[in-house]
C-alpha atoms as a PDB file:
ATOM      1  CA  UNK A   1       4.594   3.403 -10.343  1.00  0.00           C
ATOM      2  CA  UNK A   2       2.367   5.524 -12.207  1.00  0.00           C
ATOM      3  CA  UNK A   3      -1.443   4.981 -12.607  1.00  0.00           C
ATOM      4  CA  UNK A   4      -5.441   6.903 -12.154  1.00  0.00           C
ATOM      5  CA  UNK A   5      -6.938   6.151  -9.913  1.00  0.00           C
ATOM      6  CA  UNK A   6     -11.185   6.951 -10.108  1.00  0.00           C
ATOM      7  CA  UNK A   7     -13.304   7.187  -6.478  1.00  0.00           C
ATOM      8  CA  UNK A   8     -17.004   8.220  -7.098  1.00  0.00           C
ATOM      9  CA  UNK A   9     -18.682  10.276  -5.245  1.00  0.00           C
ATOM     10  CA  UNK A  10     -21.420  12.040  -3.437  1.00  0.00           C
ATOM     11  CA  UNK A  11     -20.479  15.097  -1.827  1.00  0.00           C
ATOM     12  CA  UNK A  12     -16.943  14.471  -0.141  1.00  0.00           C
ATOM     13  CA  UNK A  13     -17.675  10.268   0.698  1.00  0.00           C
ATOM     14  CA  UNK A  14     -17.613   7.499  -2.021  1.00  0.00           C
ATOM     15  CA  UNK A  15     -20.895   6.927  -3.292  1.00  0.00           C
ATOM     16  CA  UNK A  16     -23.030   4.129  -1.827  1.00  0.00           C
ATOM     17  CA  UNK A  17     -23.435   2.387  -5.577  1.00  0.00           C
ATOM     18  CA  UNK A  18     -20.510   2.807  -8.651  1.00  0.00           C
ATOM     19  CA  UNK A  19     -23.479   3.343 -11.414  1.00  0.00           C
ATOM     20  CA  UNK A  20     -25.806   5.822  -9.579  1.00  0.00           C
ATOM     21  CA  UNK A  21     -22.347   9.028  -8.470  1.00  0.00           C
ATOM     22  CA  UNK A  22     -23.217  11.442 -10.041  1.00  0.00           C
ATOM     23  CA  UNK A  23     -19.485  12.486  -9.961  1.00  0.00           C
ATOM     24  CA  UNK A  24     -16.494  11.120 -10.607  1.00  0.00           C
ATOM     25  CA  UNK A  25     -12.444  11.756  -8.937  1.00  0.00           C
ATOM     26  CA  UNK A  26     -10.033  11.326 -11.265  1.00  0.00           C
ATOM     27  CA  UNK A  27      -6.375  11.324  -9.302  1.00  0.00           C
ATOM     28  CA  UNK A  28      -3.227  10.821 -11.356  1.00  0.00           C
ATOM     29  CA  UNK A  29      -0.029   9.426  -9.384  1.00  0.00           C
ATOM     30  CA  UNK A  30       3.191   9.852 -10.597  1.00  0.00           C
ATOM     31  CA  UNK A  31       5.883   8.206  -8.488  1.00  0.00           C
ATOM     32  CA  UNK A  32       3.690   8.258  -5.385  1.00  0.00           C
ATOM     33  CA  UNK A  33       2.707  11.882  -5.482  1.00  0.00           C
ATOM     34  CA  UNK A  34      -0.372  13.289  -6.622  1.00  0.00           C
ATOM     35  CA  UNK A  35       0.111  15.289 -10.153  1.00  0.00           C
ATOM     36  CA  UNK A  36      -2.936  16.023 -11.464  1.00  0.00           C
ATOM     37  CA  UNK A  37      -7.036  15.601 -10.103  1.00  0.00           C
ATOM     38  CA  UNK A  38     -10.211  16.776 -11.170  1.00  0.00           C
ATOM     39  CA  UNK A  39     -14.215  15.972 -10.269  1.00  0.00           C
ATOM     40  CA  UNK A  40     -15.855  15.571 -13.343  1.00  0.00           C
ATOM     41  CA  UNK A  41     -19.894  15.864 -13.656  1.00  0.00           C
ATOM     42  CA  UNK A  42     -20.687  12.396 -14.455  1.00  0.00           C
ATOM     43  CA  UNK A  43     -25.250  13.547 -13.811  1.00  0.00           C
ATOM     44  CA  UNK A  44     -25.493  12.832 -17.511  1.00  0.00           C
ATOM     45  CA  UNK A  45     -24.079   9.883 -17.888  1.00  0.00           C
ATOM     46  CA  UNK A  46     -25.653   6.293 -18.489  1.00  0.00           C
ATOM     47  CA  UNK A  47     -23.910   3.239 -17.357  1.00  0.00           C
ATOM     48  CA  UNK A  48     -21.771   2.406 -20.568  1.00  0.00           C
ATOM     49  CA  UNK A  49     -21.242   5.858 -21.543  1.00  0.00           C
ATOM     50  CA  UNK A  50     -19.744   6.066 -17.225  1.00  0.00           C
ATOM     51  CA  UNK A  51     -17.562   2.343 -18.424  1.00  0.00           C
ATOM     52  CA  UNK A  52     -16.133   3.702 -21.828  1.00  0.00           C
ATOM     53  CA  UNK A  53     -15.518   7.400 -19.753  1.00  0.00           C
ATOM     54  CA  UNK A  54     -12.791   5.408 -17.353  1.00  0.00           C
ATOM     55  CA  UNK A  55     -11.653   3.043 -20.139  1.00  0.00           C
ATOM     56  CA  UNK A  56     -10.828   6.677 -22.305  1.00  0.00           C
ATOM     57  CA  UNK A  57      -9.452   8.622 -19.264  1.00  0.00           C
ATOM     58  CA  UNK A  58      -6.695   6.077 -18.517  1.00  0.00           C
ATOM     59  CA  UNK A  59      -8.145   5.307 -15.626  1.00  0.00           C
ATOM     60  CA  UNK A  60      -6.454   1.596 -13.951  1.00  0.00           C
ATOM     61  CA  UNK A  61      -8.027   1.678 -10.504  1.00  0.00           C
ATOM     62  CA  UNK A  62     -11.054   2.021  -8.775  1.00  0.00           C
ATOM     63  CA  UNK A  63     -12.258   2.436  -5.478  1.00  0.00           C
ATOM     64  CA  UNK A  64     -16.129   2.463  -5.486  1.00  0.00           C
ATOM     65  CA  UNK A  65     -18.714   1.477  -2.972  1.00  0.00           C
ATOM     66  CA  UNK A  66     -21.680  -1.391  -3.936  1.00  0.00           C
ATOM     67  CA  UNK A  67     -20.570  -2.666  -8.011  1.00  0.00           C
ATOM     68  CA  UNK A  68     -22.483  -5.366  -9.543  1.00  0.00           C
ATOM     69  CA  UNK A  69     -21.147  -7.883 -11.471  1.00  0.00           C
ATOM     70  CA  UNK A  70     -21.716  -6.412 -14.770  1.00  0.00           C
ATOM     71  CA  UNK A  71     -19.928  -3.698 -14.122  1.00  0.00           C
ATOM     72  CA  UNK A  72     -16.899  -5.447 -12.450  1.00  0.00           C
ATOM     73  CA  UNK A  73     -16.252  -7.959 -15.526  1.00  0.00           C
ATOM     74  CA  UNK A  74     -16.985  -4.665 -17.650  1.00  0.00           C
ATOM     75  CA  UNK A  75     -14.003  -2.550 -15.846  1.00  0.00           C
ATOM     76  CA  UNK A  76     -12.060  -6.135 -15.932  1.00  0.00           C
ATOM     77  CA  UNK A  77     -12.058  -6.756 -19.310  1.00  0.00           C
ATOM     78  CA  UNK A  78     -10.756  -2.909 -19.864  1.00  0.00           C
ATOM     79  CA  UNK A  79      -8.003  -3.834 -17.399  1.00  0.00           C
ATOM     80  CA  UNK A  80      -9.165  -1.756 -14.820  1.00  0.00           C
ATOM     81  CA  UNK A  81      -8.828  -3.294 -11.028  1.00  0.00           C
ATOM     82  CA  UNK A  82     -12.065  -2.594  -8.428  1.00  0.00           C
ATOM     83  CA  UNK A  83     -11.504  -2.394  -5.234  1.00  0.00           C
ATOM     84  CA  UNK A  84     -15.415  -2.437  -3.715  1.00  0.00           C
ATOM     85  CA  UNK A  85     -17.272  -2.260  -0.570  1.00  0.00           C
ATOM     86  CA  UNK A  86     -15.127   0.307   0.847  1.00  0.00           C
ATOM     87  CA  UNK A  87     -17.557   3.331   1.947  1.00  0.00           C
ATOM     88  CA  UNK A  88     -17.098   6.417   3.932  1.00  0.00           C
ATOM     89  CA  UNK A  89     -15.574   9.699   2.452  1.00  0.00           C
ATOM     90  CA  UNK A  90     -13.408   9.617  -0.213  1.00  0.00           C
ATOM     91  CA  UNK A  91     -10.478  11.483   1.067  1.00  0.00           C
ATOM     92  CA  UNK A  92      -9.184   8.988   3.352  1.00  0.00           C
ATOM     93  CA  UNK A  93      -9.592   6.486   1.333  1.00  0.00           C
ATOM     94  CA  UNK A  94      -7.513   7.889  -1.124  1.00  0.00           C
ATOM     95  CA  UNK A  95      -4.986   8.230   1.408  1.00  0.00           C
ATOM     96  CA  UNK A  96      -5.334   4.433   2.684  1.00  0.00           C
ATOM     97  CA  UNK A  97      -5.108   2.904  -0.924  1.00  0.00           C
ATOM     98  CA  UNK A  98      -1.285   4.706  -1.515  1.00  0.00           C
ATOM     99  CA  UNK A  99      -0.326   3.599   2.058  1.00  0.00           C
ATOM    100  CA  UNK A 100      -1.260   0.403   0.447  1.00  0.00           C
ATOM    101  CA  UNK A 101      -3.531  -0.397   3.295  1.00  0.00           C
ATOM    102  CA  UNK A 102      -6.789  -0.445   1.855  1.00  0.00           C
ATOM    103  CA  UNK A 103      -9.232  -3.483   1.504  1.00  0.00           C
ATOM    104  CA  UNK A 104     -12.800  -4.327   0.241  1.00  0.00           C
ATOM    105  CA  UNK A 105     -15.026  -3.744   2.941  1.00  0.00           C
ATOM    106  CA  UNK A 106     -13.436  -0.610   4.834  1.00  0.00           C
ATOM    107  CA  UNK A 107     -15.351   2.707   6.549  1.00  0.00           C
ATOM    108  CA  UNK A 108     -12.652   4.799   5.575  1.00  0.00           C
ATOM    109  CA  UNK A 109     -13.845   7.969   8.224  1.00  0.00           C
ATOM    110  CA  UNK A 110     -12.263  11.049  10.671  1.00  0.00           C
ATOM    111  CA  UNK A 111     -12.194   9.744  14.085  1.00  0.00           C
ATOM    112  CA  UNK A 112      -8.939   8.675  16.451  1.00  0.00           C
ATOM    113  CA  UNK A 113      -8.264   5.065  17.573  1.00  0.00           C
ATOM    114  CA  UNK A 114     -10.003   3.325  20.686  1.00  0.00           C
ATOM    115  CA  UNK A 115      -8.319   3.728  23.737  1.00  0.00           C
ATOM    116  CA  UNK A 116      -7.972   0.126  25.505  1.00  0.00           C
ATOM    117  CA  UNK A 117      -6.327   0.162  29.022  1.00  0.00           C
ATOM    118  CA  UNK A 118      -4.378   4.106  28.227  1.00  0.00           C
ATOM    119  CA  UNK A 119      -3.107   2.287  24.600  1.00  0.00           C
ATOM    120  CA  UNK A 120      -4.322   3.214  21.462  1.00  0.00           C
ATOM    121  CA  UNK A 121      -5.779   0.247  19.550  1.00  0.00           C
ATOM    122  CA  UNK A 122      -8.256  -0.823  16.982  1.00  0.00           C
ATOM    123  CA  UNK A 123      -8.195  -1.751  13.492  1.00  0.00           C
ATOM    124  CA  UNK A 124      -5.329   1.004  11.058  1.00  0.00           C
ATOM    125  CA  UNK A 125      -8.414   2.354   9.296  1.00  0.00           C
ATOM    126  CA  UNK A 126      -9.472   3.927  13.047  1.00  0.00           C
ATOM    127  CA  UNK A 127      -6.670   5.828  13.451  1.00  0.00           C
ATOM    128  CA  UNK A 128      -6.593   9.464  12.865  1.00  0.00           C
ATOM    129  CA  UNK A 129      -5.380  10.452   9.230  1.00  0.00           C
ATOM    130  CA  UNK A 130      -3.438  14.140   8.975  1.00  0.00           C
ATOM    131  CA  UNK A 131      -4.567  14.971   5.531  1.00  0.00           C
END
């Protein structure tokens, strides 16, 4: 399935707020593999421009941190799905999304799973991801 995914960035992390992110990472996935990616500056874009740019780029999925109801509605009206309240490293969030394991509220950090009784235990997002 081909798709374009947009992740608002603050450094290498998912921006805490969709509408104030300084950069946007757009990833094109074709046949389950990344075929193209680019990071675009968003510092001069106001909110209507940001929303319009996502549609103009052909984005059909946004992975973000905090987002208000207005933006959620506007993106939904443009046919763009939003997976929100995700925090942490953007690269890890993208990998979890591609594996079908990313959910709202996930914290995506590079750390090893906890050890309990000699066995590796903990939620799947705490597993070490090799990127």
